[in-house]
């Protein structure tokens, strides 16, 4: 995912969340059948946009120790200031698939044990 794509996704998600917050919610009305509309007014002013990126070399190995001076971010054709760069751990899910065919019958138990270890 490119930095430009990540920025666009972040902005779209933010706009979607804001539109959900501003959507009028109809409450059940009184005995005359009149519906009451509740509205939440939210004002947001932000100068910080988070853009998750992964930096890898040509062999897809992660590059660590990068600082803000090594990044350039553009909104359209306008360069934006990069205030900070942080390294955070990201959760990951891993699935392991075992071949349960007859050819693996003797190897299946050691393979399962290897996963536990």
Protein backbone atom coordinates (compact mmCIF):
# COMPACT_ATOMS: atom_id res chain seq x y z
CA UNK A 1 0.00 0.00 0.00
CA UNK A 2 1.49 3.33 -1.01
CA UNK A 3 1.64 6.36 1.26
CA UNK A 4 -0.81 8.19 -1.00
CA UNK A 5 -3.22 5.24 -0.89
CA UNK A 6 -2.88 4.95 2.91
CA UNK A 7 -3.60 8.66 3.32
CA UNK A 8 -6.69 8.40 1.10
CA UNK A 9 -7.96 5.36 3.03
CA UNK A 10 -7.37 7.12 6.37
CA UNK A 11 -9.21 10.22 5.19
CA UNK A 12 -12.12 8.16 3.80
CA UNK A 13 -12.47 6.22 7.05
CA UNK A 14 -12.37 9.45 9.05
CA UNK A 15 -15.04 11.05 6.85
CA UNK A 16 -17.22 7.94 7.13
CA UNK A 17 -16.92 7.91 10.94
CA UNK A 18 -17.75 11.61 11.10
CA UNK A 19 -20.80 11.15 8.87
CA UNK A 20 -22.03 8.36 11.16
CA UNK A 21 -21.71 10.63 14.17
CA UNK A 22 -23.60 13.43 12.46
CA UNK A 23 -26.43 11.28 11.09
CA UNK A 24 -29.72 12.15 12.71
CA UNK A 25 -31.18 9.40 14.86
CA UNK A 26 -34.96 9.13 15.06
CA UNK A 27 -36.35 8.26 18.47
CA UNK A 28 -39.77 6.69 19.03
CA UNK A 29 -42.41 9.43 19.14
CA UNK A 30 -45.08 10.23 21.68
CA UNK A 31 -48.71 9.08 21.55
CA UNK A 32 -49.48 11.46 18.64
CA UNK A 33 -47.03 9.59 16.45
CA UNK A 34 -44.63 12.54 16.26
CA UNK A 35 -41.02 11.45 15.88
CA UNK A 36 -38.29 13.32 17.71
CA UNK A 37 -35.01 13.71 15.85
CA UNK A 38 -31.85 13.91 17.94
CA UNK A 39 -28.72 15.36 16.40
CA UNK A 40 -25.17 15.43 17.69
CA UNK A 41 -23.02 18.35 16.61
CA UNK A 42 -19.35 17.46 16.48
CA UNK A 43 -16.61 19.83 15.43
CA UNK A 44 -13.19 18.45 14.61
CA UNK A 45 -10.03 20.34 13.82
CA UNK A 46 -6.94 18.22 13.34
CA UNK A 47 -3.54 18.87 11.95
CA UNK A 48 -2.23 15.35 12.54
CA UNK A 49 -3.04 12.48 10.19
CA UNK A 50 -1.72 8.99 10.91
CA UNK A 51 -0.46 7.10 7.87
CA UNK A 52 0.54 3.48 8.51
CA UNK A 53 3.39 2.39 6.25
CA UNK A 54 5.83 -0.50 5.97
CA UNK A 55 9.27 0.13 4.51
CA UNK A 56 11.09 -2.78 2.91
CA UNK A 57 14.15 -3.24 0.73
CA UNK A 58 14.23 -4.85 -2.72
CA UNK A 59 14.18 -8.34 -1.15
CA UNK A 60 11.14 -7.48 1.01
CA UNK A 61 13.10 -7.27 4.28
CA UNK A 62 11.96 -4.55 6.71
CA UNK A 63 14.07 -1.42 7.05
CA UNK A 64 14.20 -0.04 10.59
CA UNK A 65 15.56 3.15 12.14
CA UNK A 66 13.97 5.56 9.67
CA UNK A 67 13.26 9.13 10.82
CA UNK A 68 10.88 11.83 9.59
CA UNK A 69 13.50 13.46 7.36
CA UNK A 70 13.52 10.34 5.16
CA UNK A 71 9.81 10.60 4.26
CA UNK A 72 7.95 12.87 1.87
CA UNK A 73 4.14 12.93 1.92
CA UNK A 74 1.97 14.69 -0.62
CA UNK A 75 -1.70 15.61 -0.54
CA UNK A 76 -2.40 15.98 -4.23
CA UNK A 77 0.66 17.89 -5.40
CA UNK A 78 1.17 19.74 -2.12
CA UNK A 79 3.93 18.39 0.12
CA UNK A 80 2.86 17.97 3.73
CA UNK A 81 5.13 18.21 6.76
CA UNK A 82 6.04 14.88 8.38
CA UNK A 83 6.06 15.58 12.11
CA UNK A 84 7.16 12.22 13.48
CA UNK A 85 7.81 8.62 12.55
CA UNK A 86 7.28 5.84 15.08
CA UNK A 87 7.79 2.10 14.96
CA UNK A 88 4.89 0.14 16.41
CA UNK A 89 4.20 -3.57 16.67
CA UNK A 90 1.28 -4.71 14.57
CA UNK A 91 -0.91 -7.70 15.45
CA UNK A 92 -0.69 -10.64 13.12
CA UNK A 93 -2.72 -13.81 12.65
CA UNK A 94 -1.03 -16.98 11.48
CA UNK A 95 -2.70 -20.13 10.23
CA UNK A 96 -0.96 -23.48 9.81
CA UNK A 97 -2.30 -26.09 7.43
CA UNK A 98 -1.33 -29.75 7.76
CA UNK A 99 -1.40 -32.32 4.98
CA UNK A 100 -3.45 -35.19 6.41
CA UNK A 101 -2.96 -37.57 3.49
CA UNK A 102 -1.54 -41.08 3.83
CA UNK A 103 1.92 -39.94 2.72
CA UNK A 104 2.15 -37.71 5.82
CA UNK A 105 0.84 -40.26 8.32
CA UNK A 106 4.23 -40.87 10.03
CA UNK A 107 5.27 -37.20 9.81
CA UNK A 108 2.06 -35.60 11.14
CA UNK A 109 2.76 -36.06 14.87
CA UNK A 110 6.28 -34.57 14.71
CA UNK A 111 4.95 -31.68 12.61
CA UNK A 112 2.25 -30.89 15.19
CA UNK A 113 4.83 -31.08 17.98
CA UNK A 114 7.05 -28.64 16.10
CA UNK A 115 4.22 -26.12 16.00
CA UNK A 116 3.65 -26.41 19.76
CA UNK A 117 7.32 -25.80 20.47
